[in-house]
Amino acid sequence: MPFTTQTDPEFVRPARYSALDKFFLGLIRDERDLPFVYKTLQVTFTLIPLGVALYLPFVPNWLWWIMALVYLFINNITYKGPFGLMLHCTTHRPFFKQQWMNHYLPWVLAPFFGQSPETYHAHHIGMHHAENNLEPDESSTMPYQRDSGKAFLHYFFTFFFTGIYTLAAYFFHRKRDRLLYRVVRGELLFILFCAALCFVNWQATLVVFILPFAIFRLVAMAGNWVQHAFVSQEDPGNHFQNSVTCINVKFNHKCWNDGYHISHHIDPSMHWTDHPRYFREHLDDFARERAVVFDGLNYLDIFGLLLRDRYDVLAKHFVNVGNVYKNDEEVIAFLRSRTAPVPFVPDTKAHGVLGAA
């Protein structure tokens, strides 16, 4: 399909802010991040009280199970995506003016979603963007057949059981001691915290922290798998040719335009509300570089379609920017070529990076 319209969120300054809005605006660095404040408050005053209640000894068994199911639902269905990608945005662009306030998301709220403090920042900023999914990136998708369920399971379990070790080793060998310290400290503290809480109430700890931990790592790796599923054999370090963009999808409204992964890698510091405009202004670049763009699909949709070999459906949602392809058959052949394994090469130079932090 050709590109015709765009429905993803962009910033429009309100005619007026409420008194409460103005108070919060005084705390944050960018007025466009005001929705993050309200999302943070929602999570704080729903998820945390419910999680704490699961540890209370006087809660009847039948009520405990209801609360546990509600907790797992709102944690992993309602808030997992919006919170995780809010954390992603504020990892690249500090949220609050006061630095100490920026510890609230990674150190207080993130553990409830199974994220050990600061390990996400270290992995995402310190390694993933720095290495751009190329060979030194320990979470690189390049050597895998990226439409294979078996290959994904190998990718996931490798990361799940060795990811922290390989990340720590990456920083150790590069003498990046500060990030190494953050990784080891965050992971060990989270493990010790969960272990201690197991002596208080292991069932509650399983629901509140351990299951979200396992689910987060699955979601994170599935997300990275899709974001870097379509990689060029000829130029795997080219941001236009090793990533994907999803437009006109509800996911972008719920998760802060996270579908715009190509422009995010081109300029990691770009504000989330600027991505739709960037896409419109650089259509010629997307066409020339044969970038993979989908209309109406989110990452989960693409993940499922890839693993079921439904390239026909992917082709129907493929945005033929610049009318490069004559028909769906050409699109399918192109997409299949981009999911084939890419041998590691020594050139790890990223193309077009404006900022990796």
Protein backbone atom coordinates (compact mmCIF):
# COMPACT_ATOMS: atom_id res chain seq x y z
CA MET A 1 0.00 0.00 0.00
CA PRO A 2 1.21 3.57 -0.62
CA PHE A 3 1.67 6.06 2.21
CA THR A 4 -1.37 8.33 2.33
CA THR A 5 -2.07 9.43 5.89
CA GLN A 6 -0.81 9.34 9.45
CA THR A 7 -2.81 9.02 12.68
CA ASP A 8 -0.10 8.60 15.30
CA PRO A 9 0.14 11.08 18.19
CA GLU A 10 1.99 14.37 17.84
CA PHE A 11 2.27 17.18 20.35
CA VAL A 12 -0.35 19.91 20.24
CA ARG A 13 -0.02 22.45 23.02
CA PRO A 14 -3.33 22.78 24.90
CA ALA A 15 -5.10 26.11 24.94
CA ARG A 16 -4.62 26.12 28.71
CA TYR A 17 -3.15 23.94 31.42
CA SER A 18 -4.95 23.17 34.67
CA ALA A 19 -3.43 24.22 37.99
CA LEU A 20 -2.37 20.63 38.60
CA ASP A 21 -0.80 20.45 35.15
CA LYS A 22 1.17 23.61 35.88
CA PHE A 23 2.43 22.15 39.15
CA PHE A 24 3.68 19.03 37.41
CA LEU A 25 5.16 21.05 34.55
CA GLY A 26 7.33 22.75 37.14
CA LEU A 27 8.85 19.37 37.98
CA ILE A 28 9.57 17.97 34.52
CA ARG A 29 12.06 18.99 31.86
CA ASP A 30 9.77 18.85 28.82
CA GLU A 31 6.09 19.80 28.74
CA ARG A 32 5.47 17.13 26.11
CA ASP A 33 6.13 14.50 28.79
CA LEU A 34 3.21 15.58 30.96
CA PRO A 35 1.32 12.34 30.12
CA PHE A 36 4.19 10.46 31.77
CA VAL A 37 3.38 12.13 35.08
CA TYR A 38 -0.19 10.89 35.06
CA LYS A 39 0.84 7.41 33.94
CA THR A 40 3.38 7.30 36.79
CA LEU A 41 0.67 8.29 39.27
CA GLN A 42 -1.73 5.64 37.91
CA VAL A 43 0.87 2.92 38.35
CA THR A 44 1.91 4.18 41.77
CA PHE A 45 -1.59 4.29 43.23
CA THR A 46 -2.92 1.07 41.71
CA LEU A 47 -0.15 -1.46 41.25
CA ILE A 48 1.90 -0.79 44.38
CA PRO A 49 -1.02 -0.91 46.87
CA LEU A 50 -2.32 -4.09 45.25
CA GLY A 51 1.14 -5.66 45.36
CA VAL A 52 1.56 -4.76 49.02
CA ALA A 53 -1.91 -6.13 49.83
CA LEU A 54 -0.87 -9.55 48.54
CA TYR A 55 1.64 -9.77 51.41
CA LEU A 56 -0.93 -9.06 54.11
CA PRO A 57 -1.46 -12.17 56.30
CA PHE A 58 -5.12 -11.55 57.10
CA VAL A 59 -6.39 -11.55 53.49
CA PRO A 60 -8.78 -14.52 52.92
CA ASN A 61 -7.51 -17.11 50.48
CA TRP A 62 -10.34 -16.59 47.97
CA LEU A 63 -9.76 -12.83 47.97
CA TRP A 64 -5.99 -13.29 47.66
CA TRP A 65 -6.42 -15.25 44.45
CA ILE A 66 -8.73 -12.61 42.99
CA MET A 67 -6.24 -9.87 43.85
CA ALA A 68 -3.37 -11.93 42.42
CA LEU A 69 -5.17 -12.36 39.10
CA VAL A 70 -6.08 -8.67 38.99
CA TYR A 71 -2.46 -7.75 39.78
CA LEU A 72 -1.10 -9.97 37.01
CA PHE A 73 -3.62 -8.56 34.54
CA ILE A 74 -3.00 -4.88 35.19
CA ASN A 75 0.74 -5.44 35.49
CA ASN A 76 1.25 -7.45 32.32
CA ILE A 77 -1.69 -6.40 30.14
CA THR A 78 -2.66 -2.88 31.19
CA TYR A 79 0.62 -1.29 32.25
CA LYS A 80 3.52 -3.44 30.98
CA GLY A 81 3.79 -1.75 27.59
CA PRO A 82 3.01 1.85 28.57
CA PHE A 83 5.27 1.75 31.62
CA GLY A 84 8.14 -0.08 29.94
CA LEU A 85 8.18 2.29 27.00
CA MET A 86 7.78 5.32 29.24
CA LEU A 87 10.90 4.05 31.01
CA HIS A 88 12.51 3.70 27.59
CA CYS A 89 11.73 7.31 26.70
CA THR A 90 12.96 8.65 30.04
CA THR A 91 16.11 6.56 29.74
CA HIS A 92 17.01 8.53 26.63
CA ARG A 93 15.69 11.90 27.82
CA PRO A 94 15.73 12.60 31.58
CA PHE A 95 12.19 13.07 32.89
CA PHE A 96 12.45 15.31 35.96
CA LYS A 97 14.46 18.46 36.51
CA GLN A 98 15.75 17.19 39.85
CA GLN A 99 18.12 14.29 39.23
CA TRP A 100 17.11 12.42 42.39
CA MET A 101 13.53 12.22 41.13
CA ASN A 102 14.71 10.37 38.02
CA HIS A 103 15.52 7.37 40.23
CA TYR A 104 11.84 6.80 40.99
CA LEU A 105 10.95 4.94 37.79
CA PRO A 106 13.94 2.54 37.60
CA TRP A 107 14.36 1.97 41.34
CA VAL A 108 10.81 2.03 42.73
CA LEU A 109 8.34 1.20 39.96
CA ALA A 110 10.43 -0.87 37.54
CA PRO A 111 11.01 -3.79 39.97
CA PHE A 112 7.24 -4.33 40.13
CA PHE A 113 7.43 -5.00 36.38
CA GLY A 114 10.31 -7.43 36.81
CA GLN A 115 13.01 -4.97 35.80
CA SER A 116 16.11 -4.97 37.96
CA PRO A 117 17.20 -1.37 38.65
CA GLU A 118 19.34 0.31 35.97
CA THR A 119 20.08 -2.86 34.01
CA TYR A 120 17.72 -1.70 31.27
CA HIS A 121 19.59 1.60 30.95
CA ALA A 122 22.95 -0.14 30.85
CA HIS A 123 21.86 -2.66 28.22
CA HIS A 124 19.87 -0.31 26.03
CA ILE A 125 22.04 2.80 26.09
CA GLY A 126 25.41 1.32 26.93
CA MET A 127 25.35 -1.60 24.50
CA HIS A 128 22.37 -1.85 22.15
CA HIS A 129 22.47 1.66 20.71
CA ALA A 130 26.23 1.80 20.84
CA GLU A 131 26.57 -1.41 18.81
CA ASN A 132 23.44 -1.06 16.66
CA ASN A 133 22.46 -4.75 16.57
CA LEU A 134 25.84 -5.65 15.04
CA GLU A 135 28.21 -8.35 16.25
CA PRO A 136 29.37 -6.74 19.53
CA ASP A 137 25.71 -6.30 20.56
CA GLU A 138 25.11 -9.33 22.79
CA SER A 139 21.39 -9.15 21.93
CA SER A 140 21.96 -8.97 18.16
CA THR A 141 19.38 -10.73 16.00
CA MET A 142 21.67 -10.94 12.96
CA PRO A 143 22.78 -14.60 13.05
CA TYR A 144 19.25 -15.97 13.47
CA GLN A 145 16.60 -17.03 10.99
CA ARG A 146 14.16 -14.41 12.16
CA ASP A 147 10.93 -16.05 11.03
CA SER A 148 11.71 -19.27 12.92
CA GLY A 149 10.11 -20.14 16.25
CA LYS A 150 12.96 -22.50 17.06
CA ALA A 151 15.50 -19.76 16.40
CA PHE A 152 13.57 -17.34 18.61
CA LEU A 153 13.47 -19.82 21.49
CA HIS A 154 17.24 -20.23 21.21
CA TYR A 155 17.62 -16.44 21.18
CA PHE A 156 15.31 -15.98 24.17
CA PHE A 157 16.72 -18.70 26.42
CA THR A 158 20.29 -17.65 25.64
CA PHE A 159 19.47 -14.14 26.81
CA PHE A 160 17.34 -15.27 29.75
CA PHE A 161 20.04 -17.45 31.29
CA THR A 162 23.23 -15.66 30.21
CA GLY A 163 22.17 -12.12 29.33
CA ILE A 164 23.34 -10.41 32.51
CA TYR A 165 26.65 -12.29 32.46
CA THR A 166 27.38 -11.38 28.82
CA LEU A 167 26.32 -7.77 29.42
CA ALA A 168 28.62 -7.51 32.44
CA ALA A 169 31.44 -9.12 30.44
CA TYR A 170 30.85 -6.63 27.61
CA PHE A 171 31.37 -3.70 29.97
CA PHE A 172 34.26 -5.39 31.77
CA HIS A 173 36.26 -5.96 28.59
CA ARG A 174 35.66 -2.38 27.49
CA LYS A 175 36.62 -1.00 30.91
CA ARG A 176 33.26 0.74 31.29
CA ASP A 177 33.33 0.32 35.02
CA ARG A 178 30.39 2.58 35.87
CA LEU A 179 27.96 0.63 33.70
CA LEU A 180 29.42 -2.67 34.88
CA TYR A 181 28.80 -1.61 38.47
CA ARG A 182 25.22 -0.59 37.69
CA VAL A 183 24.45 -3.92 36.01
CA VAL A 184 25.88 -6.08 38.78
CA ARG A 185 24.43 -3.94 41.56
CA GLY A 186 20.94 -3.74 40.04
CA GLU A 187 20.66 -7.45 39.25
CA LEU A 188 22.08 -8.65 42.58
CA LEU A 189 19.92 -6.29 44.62
CA PHE A 190 16.80 -7.42 42.78
CA ILE A 191 17.65 -11.10 43.33
CA LEU A 192 18.45 -10.56 47.01
CA PHE A 193 15.29 -8.48 47.45
CA CYS A 194 13.12 -11.23 45.94
CA ALA A 195 14.91 -13.91 47.96
CA ALA A 196 14.31 -12.01 51.19
CA LEU A 197 10.64 -11.47 50.37
CA CYS A 198 10.23 -15.18 49.68
CA PHE A 199 10.86 -15.75 53.39
CA VAL A 200 8.01 -13.34 54.12
CA ASN A 201 5.53 -14.74 51.58
CA TRP A 202 6.85 -16.71 48.63
CA GLN A 203 3.47 -16.91 46.89
CA ALA A 204 3.11 -13.13 46.91
CA THR A 205 6.70 -12.67 45.75
CA LEU A 206 6.09 -15.06 42.86
CA VAL A 207 3.08 -13.03 41.72
CA VAL A 208 4.36 -9.52 42.46
CA PHE A 209 7.96 -9.77 41.26
CA ILE A 210 9.09 -13.12 39.83
CA LEU A 211 6.39 -13.77 37.21
CA PRO A 212 6.59 -10.15 35.95
CA PHE A 213 10.38 -10.63 35.74
CA ALA A 214 10.03 -13.68 33.48
CA ILE A 215 7.31 -12.05 31.38
CA PHE A 216 9.29 -8.83 30.97
CA ARG A 217 12.36 -10.64 29.66
CA LEU A 218 10.20 -12.57 27.20
CA VAL A 219 8.45 -9.40 26.01
CA ALA A 220 11.72 -7.46 25.81
CA MET A 221 13.42 -10.09 23.67
CA ALA A 222 10.38 -10.60 21.45
CA GLY A 223 10.27 -6.84 20.94
CA ASN A 224 13.94 -6.61 20.03
CA TRP A 225 13.53 -9.64 17.74
CA VAL A 226 10.82 -7.87 15.74
CA GLN A 227 12.43 -4.44 15.80
CA HIS A 228 15.50 -5.99 14.19
CA ALA A 229 13.89 -8.83 12.26
CA PHE A 230 14.37 -7.28 8.81
CA VAL A 231 18.11 -6.82 8.38
CA SER A 232 19.90 -6.08 5.13
CA GLN A 233 22.58 -8.56 4.10
CA GLU A 234 24.48 -5.82 2.27
CA ASP A 235 24.45 -3.09 4.92
CA PRO A 236 23.36 -4.42 8.35
CA GLY A 237 24.66 -1.34 10.12
CA ASN A 238 22.37 1.00 8.18
CA HIS A 239 19.57 2.14 10.48
CA PHE A 240 17.08 2.26 7.61
CA GLN A 241 17.97 -1.31 6.67
CA ASN A 242 18.22 -3.08 10.03
CA SER A 243 15.07 -1.94 11.77
CA VAL A 244 11.34 -1.46 11.22
CA THR A 245 8.72 1.27 11.53
CA CYS A 246 5.04 0.73 12.40
CA ILE A 247 2.61 3.55 11.65
CA ASN A 248 -1.12 4.17 12.13
CA VAL A 249 -1.57 1.68 14.95
CA LYS A 250 -3.20 1.94 18.39
CA PHE A 251 0.05 0.72 19.91
CA ASN A 252 1.66 4.09 19.12
CA HIS A 253 -1.05 5.92 21.07
CA LYS A 254 -0.70 3.60 24.05
CA CYS A 255 3.09 3.24 24.00
CA TRP A 256 4.45 6.64 23.03
CA ASN A 257 5.12 6.10 19.30
CA ASP A 258 7.42 3.17 19.98
CA GLY A 259 6.60 1.81 16.54
CA TYR A 260 8.96 4.34 14.98
CA HIS A 261 12.07 2.28 15.57
CA ILE A 262 14.04 3.36 12.51
CA SER A 263 13.98 7.05 13.39
CA HIS A 264 14.64 6.14 17.01
CA HIS A 265 17.91 4.48 16.01
CA ILE A 266 18.81 7.34 13.68
CA ASP A 267 18.42 9.80 16.55
CA PRO A 268 17.90 8.09 19.93
CA SER A 269 17.35 11.45 21.62
CA MET A 270 14.44 12.40 19.35
CA HIS A 271 11.34 13.13 21.41
CA TRP A 272 8.60 10.55 21.05
CA THR A 273 6.13 13.10 19.69
CA ASP A 274 8.50 14.09 16.85
CA HIS A 275 8.73 10.72 15.11
CA PRO A 276 5.63 11.01 12.90
CA ARG A 277 6.82 14.34 11.52
CA TYR A 278 10.32 12.96 10.94
CA PHE A 279 8.82 10.10 8.95
CA ARG A 280 6.83 12.46 6.72
CA GLU A 281 9.81 14.74 6.17
CA HIS A 282 12.16 11.89 5.20
CA LEU A 283 9.96 9.76 2.94
CA ASP A 284 12.55 9.99 0.17
CA ASP A 285 15.18 8.52 2.50
CA PHE A 286 12.86 5.68 3.52
CA ALA A 287 12.18 4.92 -0.16
CA ARG A 288 15.81 5.15 -1.28
CA GLU A 289 17.02 2.91 1.55
CA ARG A 290 14.16 0.43 1.07
CA ALA A 291 13.13 0.71 4.69
CA VAL A 292 10.59 -1.75 6.10
CA VAL A 293 7.42 0.11 7.14
CA PHE A 294 4.08 -1.44 8.13
CA ASP A 295 0.70 0.26 8.43
CA GLY A 296 -1.74 -0.99 11.07
CA LEU A 297 0.49 -3.66 12.63
CA ASN A 298 2.20 -3.57 16.01
CA TYR A 299 5.24 -5.58 17.06
CA LEU A 300 3.17 -8.42 18.50
CA ASP A 301 1.24 -8.69 15.24
CA ILE A 302 4.46 -8.87 13.24
CA PHE A 303 5.99 -11.38 15.65
CA GLY A 304 3.03 -13.74 15.26
CA LEU A 305 2.89 -13.34 11.48
CA LEU A 306 6.60 -14.03 11.10
CA LEU A 307 6.50 -17.19 13.18
CA ARG A 308 3.46 -18.42 11.22
CA ASP A 309 5.12 -17.61 7.88
CA ARG A 310 2.29 -15.23 6.94
CA TYR A 311 4.28 -13.03 4.61
CA ASP A 312 1.11 -12.56 2.58
CA VAL A 313 -0.47 -10.63 5.45
CA LEU A 314 2.74 -8.70 6.09
CA ALA A 315 2.78 -7.71 2.42
CA LYS A 316 -0.78 -6.35 2.60
CA HIS A 317 0.26 -4.05 5.45
CA PHE A 318 3.64 -3.13 3.94
CA VAL A 319 3.92 0.57 3.10
CA ASN A 320 5.36 0.82 -0.40
CA VAL A 321 7.11 4.14 0.16
CA GLY A 322 8.08 5.61 -3.20
CA ASN A 323 6.26 2.79 -5.06
CA VAL A 324 9.47 0.76 -5.24
CA TYR A 325 7.69 -2.61 -5.51
CA LYS A 326 5.30 -3.59 -8.30
CA ASN A 327 3.22 -6.19 -6.44
CA ASP A 328 2.87 -8.24 -3.25
CA GLU A 329 5.09 -10.99 -4.65
CA GLU A 330 8.01 -8.57 -4.88
CA VAL A 331 7.32 -7.37 -1.34
CA ILE A 332 7.24 -10.93 0.00
CA ALA A 333 10.52 -11.80 -1.71
CA PHE A 334 12.08 -8.64 -0.28
CA LEU A 335 10.84 -9.32 3.26
CA ARG A 336 12.06 -12.93 3.14
CA SER A 337 15.50 -11.72 2.10
CA ARG A 338 15.59 -9.45 5.15
CA THR A 339 14.78 -12.22 7.67
CA ALA A 340 17.55 -14.57 6.55
CA PRO A 341 20.58 -14.94 8.87
CA VAL A 342 23.28 -12.32 8.38
CA PRO A 343 26.84 -13.50 9.04
CA PHE A 344 28.73 -11.37 11.49
CA VAL A 345 31.25 -9.03 9.87
CA PRO A 346 34.05 -7.03 11.51
CA ASP A 347 32.66 -3.65 10.44
CA THR A 348 30.58 -2.41 13.37
CA LYS A 349 30.19 1.17 12.19
CA ALA A 350 26.70 2.58 12.61
CA HIS A 351 25.31 4.81 9.87
CA GLY A 352 23.60 8.07 10.59
CA VAL A 353 23.65 8.06 14.40
CA LEU A 354 23.02 11.53 15.79
CA GLY A 355 23.31 10.48 19.41
CA ALA A 356 23.38 7.23 21.31
CA ALA A 357 22.39 8.50 24.71
